[in-house]
């Protein structure tokens, strides 16, 4: 049987706001305490990661990622960033639960991979 995966992308005012890539980046920043370490862990350039962080910080009323105080460098999730991450995961869980039956039916309709 074909394995199906549901991914969620949230748009705001017709523009991409959050998806699994940005959410994974937030998780990595939270785990590593660094945008550059998060980028390395995800196999992306620091510039790409920084642009994604900048886009997220601009899209919300409060930044999701902030520099760590103390002059030692690094970054972390703000309280808003932690809340956005949690809320996105809640939306994902609810969508998966609601779509489980139809996804199973759809998977059964797909041809088997080679």
N, C-alpha and C. Protein backbone atom coordinates (compact mmCIF):
# COMPACT_ATOMS: atom_id res chain seq x y z
N UNK A 1 0.83 -1.18 0.00
CA UNK A 1 0.00 0.00 0.00
C UNK A 1 0.88 1.25 0.00
N UNK A 2 0.44 2.25 -0.68
CA UNK A 2 1.15 3.52 -0.75
C UNK A 2 1.09 4.22 0.60
N UNK A 3 2.23 4.74 1.03
CA UNK A 3 2.28 5.49 2.28
C UNK A 3 1.99 6.95 1.96
N UNK A 4 0.97 7.50 2.61
CA UNK A 4 0.58 8.88 2.39
C UNK A 4 1.08 9.74 3.54
N UNK A 5 1.41 10.97 3.22
CA UNK A 5 1.83 11.94 4.23
C UNK A 5 1.07 13.23 3.99
N UNK A 6 0.47 13.75 5.02
CA UNK A 6 -0.26 15.00 4.95
C UNK A 6 0.65 16.12 5.45
N UNK A 7 0.81 17.16 4.65
CA UNK A 7 1.57 18.32 5.09
C UNK A 7 0.63 19.52 5.05
N UNK A 8 0.89 20.47 5.92
CA UNK A 8 0.05 21.65 6.05
C UNK A 8 0.88 22.87 5.68
N UNK A 9 0.31 23.71 4.83
CA UNK A 9 0.91 25.01 4.55
C UNK A 9 -0.15 26.05 4.85
N UNK A 10 0.22 27.01 5.65
CA UNK A 10 -0.70 28.08 6.01
C UNK A 10 -0.33 29.34 5.22
N UNK A 11 -1.32 29.92 4.58
CA UNK A 11 -1.14 31.16 3.85
C UNK A 11 -1.89 32.27 4.59
N UNK A 12 -1.38 33.48 4.50
CA UNK A 12 -2.05 34.64 5.07
C UNK A 12 -2.09 35.73 4.01
N UNK A 13 -3.27 36.21 3.75
CA UNK A 13 -3.45 37.26 2.74
C UNK A 13 -2.85 36.85 1.39
N UNK A 14 -3.00 35.57 1.05
CA UNK A 14 -2.53 35.08 -0.24
C UNK A 14 -1.04 34.80 -0.32
N UNK A 15 -0.33 34.92 0.78
CA UNK A 15 1.11 34.67 0.80
C UNK A 15 1.43 33.52 1.74
N UNK A 16 2.44 32.69 1.38
CA UNK A 16 2.83 31.60 2.27
C UNK A 16 3.30 32.13 3.62
N UNK A 17 2.76 31.57 4.69
CA UNK A 17 3.12 32.00 6.03
C UNK A 17 3.98 30.94 6.72
N UNK A 18 3.45 29.73 6.83
CA UNK A 18 4.15 28.64 7.51
C UNK A 18 3.90 27.34 6.78
N UNK A 19 4.92 26.51 6.76
CA UNK A 19 4.81 25.17 6.23
C UNK A 19 5.79 24.28 6.97
N UNK A 20 5.88 23.03 6.53
CA UNK A 20 6.71 22.09 7.28
C UNK A 20 8.19 22.50 7.29
N UNK A 21 8.67 23.18 6.26
CA UNK A 21 10.07 23.60 6.23
C UNK A 21 10.38 24.69 7.25
N UNK A 22 9.56 25.71 7.29
CA UNK A 22 9.78 26.79 8.26
C UNK A 22 9.60 26.28 9.68
N UNK A 23 8.63 25.41 9.87
CA UNK A 23 8.41 24.86 11.22
C UNK A 23 9.61 24.01 11.64
N UNK A 24 10.13 23.22 10.73
CA UNK A 24 11.32 22.41 11.06
C UNK A 24 12.50 23.32 11.39
N UNK A 25 12.63 24.44 10.66
CA UNK A 25 13.70 25.39 10.95
C UNK A 25 13.53 25.96 12.36
N UNK A 26 12.31 26.33 12.73
CA UNK A 26 12.08 26.81 14.09
C UNK A 26 12.46 25.75 15.12
N UNK A 27 12.08 24.51 14.86
CA UNK A 27 12.45 23.43 15.79
C UNK A 27 13.95 23.30 15.93
N UNK A 28 14.65 23.35 14.80
CA UNK A 28 16.11 23.22 14.83
C UNK A 28 16.76 24.39 15.56
N UNK A 29 16.25 25.60 15.36
CA UNK A 29 16.80 26.75 16.08
C UNK A 29 16.58 26.57 17.57
N UNK A 30 15.39 26.10 17.95
CA UNK A 30 15.12 25.83 19.36
C UNK A 30 16.03 24.78 19.94
N UNK A 31 16.35 23.75 19.15
CA UNK A 31 17.21 22.66 19.63
C UNK A 31 18.67 23.05 19.67
N UNK A 32 19.13 23.79 18.66
CA UNK A 32 20.57 24.07 18.54
C UNK A 32 20.97 25.41 19.13
N UNK A 33 20.01 26.33 19.27
CA UNK A 33 20.34 27.66 19.77
C UNK A 33 21.10 28.51 18.78
N UNK A 34 20.96 28.18 17.49
CA UNK A 34 21.74 28.88 16.46
C UNK A 34 21.06 28.74 15.11
N UNK A 35 21.00 29.86 14.38
CA UNK A 35 20.46 29.81 13.03
C UNK A 35 21.42 29.05 12.12
N UNK A 36 22.72 29.29 12.26
CA UNK A 36 23.68 28.60 11.39
C UNK A 36 23.71 27.10 11.66
N UNK A 37 23.64 26.69 12.92
CA UNK A 37 23.62 25.26 13.24
C UNK A 37 22.33 24.62 12.73
N UNK A 38 21.23 25.34 12.85
CA UNK A 38 19.95 24.83 12.34
C UNK A 38 20.03 24.66 10.83
N UNK A 39 20.61 25.64 10.13
CA UNK A 39 20.75 25.55 8.68
C UNK A 39 21.60 24.35 8.29
N UNK A 40 22.72 24.16 8.97
CA UNK A 40 23.58 23.00 8.68
C UNK A 40 22.83 21.70 8.89
N UNK A 41 22.08 21.61 9.98
CA UNK A 41 21.33 20.38 10.28
C UNK A 41 20.30 20.07 9.20
N UNK A 42 19.82 21.12 8.54
CA UNK A 42 18.80 20.94 7.51
C UNK A 42 19.39 20.90 6.10
N UNK A 43 20.70 21.08 5.99
CA UNK A 43 21.33 21.05 4.68
C UNK A 43 21.02 22.28 3.83
N UNK A 44 20.84 23.43 4.47
CA UNK A 44 20.58 24.65 3.71
C UNK A 44 21.63 25.69 4.06
N UNK A 45 21.73 26.69 3.23
CA UNK A 45 22.69 27.75 3.48
C UNK A 45 22.22 28.63 4.64
N UNK A 46 23.19 29.27 5.27
CA UNK A 46 22.85 30.20 6.34
C UNK A 46 21.98 31.33 5.79
N UNK A 47 22.32 31.80 4.59
CA UNK A 47 21.55 32.89 3.98
C UNK A 47 20.08 32.50 3.81
N UNK A 48 19.84 31.30 3.31
CA UNK A 48 18.47 30.83 3.12
C UNK A 48 17.73 30.76 4.46
N UNK A 49 18.40 30.22 5.47
CA UNK A 49 17.79 30.13 6.80
C UNK A 49 17.50 31.52 7.35
N UNK A 50 18.44 32.43 7.18
CA UNK A 50 18.25 33.79 7.69
C UNK A 50 17.07 34.46 6.99
N UNK A 51 16.95 34.28 5.68
CA UNK A 51 15.84 34.87 4.93
C UNK A 51 14.50 34.30 5.40
N UNK A 52 14.45 33.01 5.68
CA UNK A 52 13.23 32.40 6.19
C UNK A 52 12.88 32.94 7.58
N UNK A 53 13.88 33.07 8.43
CA UNK A 53 13.66 33.63 9.77
C UNK A 53 13.18 35.07 9.65
N UNK A 54 13.82 35.84 8.80
CA UNK A 54 13.42 37.23 8.60
C UNK A 54 11.97 37.33 8.12
N UNK A 55 11.59 36.45 7.18
CA UNK A 55 10.22 36.44 6.67
C UNK A 55 9.22 36.11 7.78
N UNK A 56 9.56 35.12 8.61
CA UNK A 56 8.66 34.76 9.71
C UNK A 56 8.58 35.88 10.74
N UNK A 57 9.72 36.47 11.07
CA UNK A 57 9.73 37.54 12.06
C UNK A 57 8.91 38.74 11.59
N UNK A 58 8.94 39.01 10.30
CA UNK A 58 8.20 40.13 9.73
C UNK A 58 6.71 39.83 9.64
N UNK A 59 6.36 38.58 9.42
CA UNK A 59 4.96 38.20 9.20
C UNK A 59 4.12 38.20 10.47
N UNK A 60 4.75 38.15 11.61
CA UNK A 60 4.03 38.10 12.87
C UNK A 60 4.21 39.41 13.63
N UNK A 61 3.31 39.69 14.55
CA UNK A 61 3.38 40.95 15.30
C UNK A 61 4.58 41.02 16.23
N UNK A 62 5.08 39.85 16.63
CA UNK A 62 6.30 39.77 17.45
C UNK A 62 7.24 38.77 16.78
N UNK A 63 8.54 39.01 16.84
CA UNK A 63 9.50 38.07 16.23
C UNK A 63 9.37 36.67 16.83
N UNK A 64 9.54 35.67 15.97
CA UNK A 64 9.51 34.27 16.42
C UNK A 64 10.88 33.80 16.87
N UNK A 65 11.91 34.40 16.28
CA UNK A 65 13.31 34.05 16.60
C UNK A 65 14.00 35.34 17.04
N UNK A 66 14.75 35.24 18.12
CA UNK A 66 15.47 36.41 18.61
C UNK A 66 16.89 36.03 18.98
N UNK A 67 17.75 37.04 18.94
CA UNK A 67 19.14 36.83 19.35
C UNK A 67 19.18 36.58 20.85
N UNK A 68 20.09 35.73 21.25
CA UNK A 68 20.25 35.47 22.69
C UNK A 68 21.00 36.64 23.31
N UNK A 69 20.53 37.12 24.45
CA UNK A 69 21.23 38.22 25.11
C UNK A 69 22.55 37.77 25.69
N UNK A 70 23.45 38.70 25.89
CA UNK A 70 24.72 38.40 26.54
C UNK A 70 25.92 38.48 25.64
N UNK A 71 25.73 38.77 24.37
CA UNK A 71 26.86 38.97 23.48
C UNK A 71 27.57 37.72 23.02
N UNK A 72 27.09 36.54 23.41
CA UNK A 72 27.75 35.31 23.01
C UNK A 72 27.27 34.75 21.69
N UNK A 73 26.38 35.45 21.05
CA UNK A 73 25.85 34.96 19.78
C UNK A 73 24.76 33.94 20.01
N UNK A 74 24.27 33.42 18.95
CA UNK A 74 23.22 32.42 19.03
C UNK A 74 21.84 33.03 18.90
N UNK A 75 20.87 32.17 18.80
CA UNK A 75 19.48 32.60 18.64
C UNK A 75 18.59 31.59 19.33
N UNK A 76 17.39 32.01 19.61
CA UNK A 76 16.43 31.12 20.23
C UNK A 76 15.03 31.53 19.83
N UNK A 77 14.09 30.70 20.21
CA UNK A 77 12.69 31.01 19.94
C UNK A 77 12.17 31.95 21.02
N UNK A 78 11.45 32.95 20.58
CA UNK A 78 10.77 33.83 21.52
C UNK A 78 9.55 33.08 22.07
N UNK A 79 8.91 33.61 23.09
CA UNK A 79 7.67 32.98 23.54
C UNK A 79 6.64 32.86 22.41
N UNK A 80 6.59 33.86 21.54
CA UNK A 80 5.68 33.79 20.38
C UNK A 80 6.11 32.68 19.44
N UNK A 81 7.40 32.51 19.23
CA UNK A 81 7.90 31.45 18.37
C UNK A 81 7.52 30.08 18.91
N UNK A 82 7.65 29.91 20.22
CA UNK A 82 7.26 28.65 20.85
C UNK A 82 5.76 28.41 20.69
N UNK A 83 4.97 29.48 20.84
CA UNK A 83 3.51 29.35 20.70
C UNK A 83 3.13 29.01 19.27
N UNK A 84 3.76 29.66 18.29
CA UNK A 84 3.47 29.38 16.88
C UNK A 84 3.81 27.93 16.55
N UNK A 85 4.95 27.47 17.03
CA UNK A 85 5.37 26.09 16.80
C UNK A 85 4.34 25.12 17.39
N UNK A 86 3.92 25.35 18.61
CA UNK A 86 2.94 24.49 19.27
C UNK A 86 1.60 24.51 18.53
N UNK A 87 1.14 25.69 18.15
CA UNK A 87 -0.15 25.81 17.46
C UNK A 87 -0.12 25.14 16.09
N UNK A 88 0.99 25.28 15.36
CA UNK A 88 1.11 24.63 14.07
C UNK A 88 1.02 23.11 14.24
N UNK A 89 1.72 22.56 15.23
CA UNK A 89 1.69 21.12 15.48
C UNK A 89 0.28 20.67 15.89
N UNK A 90 -0.45 21.50 16.63
CA UNK A 90 -1.83 21.17 16.98
C UNK A 90 -2.70 21.12 15.73
N UNK A 91 -2.51 22.07 14.83
CA UNK A 91 -3.26 22.09 13.57
C UNK A 91 -2.94 20.83 12.76
N UNK A 92 -1.67 20.47 12.69
CA UNK A 92 -1.26 19.25 11.98
C UNK A 92 -1.93 18.02 12.56
N UNK A 93 -1.89 17.89 13.87
CA UNK A 93 -2.49 16.72 14.53
C UNK A 93 -3.98 16.63 14.24
N UNK A 94 -4.68 17.77 14.33
CA UNK A 94 -6.12 17.80 14.07
C UNK A 94 -6.42 17.44 12.62
N UNK A 95 -5.62 17.96 11.70
CA UNK A 95 -5.83 17.67 10.27
C UNK A 95 -5.58 16.19 9.98
N UNK A 96 -4.52 15.63 10.57
CA UNK A 96 -4.24 14.20 10.36
C UNK A 96 -5.38 13.33 10.87
N UNK A 97 -5.87 13.66 12.05
CA UNK A 97 -6.97 12.88 12.63
C UNK A 97 -8.22 12.98 11.75
N UNK A 98 -8.53 14.17 11.27
CA UNK A 98 -9.72 14.36 10.45
C UNK A 98 -9.59 13.70 9.09
N UNK A 99 -8.37 13.62 8.57
CA UNK A 99 -8.17 13.10 7.21
C UNK A 99 -7.76 11.64 7.18
N UNK A 100 -7.65 10.98 8.30
CA UNK A 100 -7.13 9.60 8.34
C UNK A 100 -7.90 8.65 7.43
N UNK A 101 -9.20 8.64 7.53
CA UNK A 101 -10.01 7.73 6.70
C UNK A 101 -9.88 8.02 5.21
N UNK A 102 -10.13 9.26 4.79
CA UNK A 102 -9.98 9.56 3.37
C UNK A 102 -8.56 9.32 2.84
N UNK A 103 -7.55 9.60 3.65
CA UNK A 103 -6.18 9.35 3.21
C UNK A 103 -5.92 7.86 3.01
N UNK A 104 -6.46 7.05 3.89
CA UNK A 104 -6.31 5.60 3.76
C UNK A 104 -6.98 5.11 2.47
N UNK A 105 -8.16 5.62 2.20
CA UNK A 105 -8.87 5.27 0.97
C UNK A 105 -8.08 5.72 -0.25
N UNK A 106 -7.59 6.93 -0.23
CA UNK A 106 -6.81 7.47 -1.34
C UNK A 106 -5.53 6.66 -1.55
N UNK A 107 -4.86 6.29 -0.46
CA UNK A 107 -3.65 5.49 -0.56
C UNK A 107 -3.94 4.15 -1.22
N UNK A 108 -5.08 3.56 -0.92
CA UNK A 108 -5.46 2.29 -1.51
C UNK A 108 -5.74 2.39 -3.01
N UNK A 109 -6.03 3.60 -3.46
CA UNK A 109 -6.32 3.83 -4.87
C UNK A 109 -5.06 4.07 -5.70
N UNK A 110 -3.92 4.26 -5.03
CA UNK A 110 -2.66 4.55 -5.73
C UNK A 110 -1.99 3.26 -6.17
N UNK A 111 -1.26 3.34 -7.26
CA UNK A 111 -0.49 2.18 -7.70
C UNK A 111 0.69 1.99 -6.76
N UNK A 112 1.15 0.77 -6.63
CA UNK A 112 2.27 0.48 -5.74
C UNK A 112 3.55 1.04 -6.32
N UNK A 113 4.44 1.57 -5.45
CA UNK A 113 5.71 2.08 -5.96
C UNK A 113 6.57 0.93 -6.49
N UNK A 114 7.47 1.22 -7.42
CA UNK A 114 8.30 0.14 -8.00
C UNK A 114 9.21 -0.51 -6.99
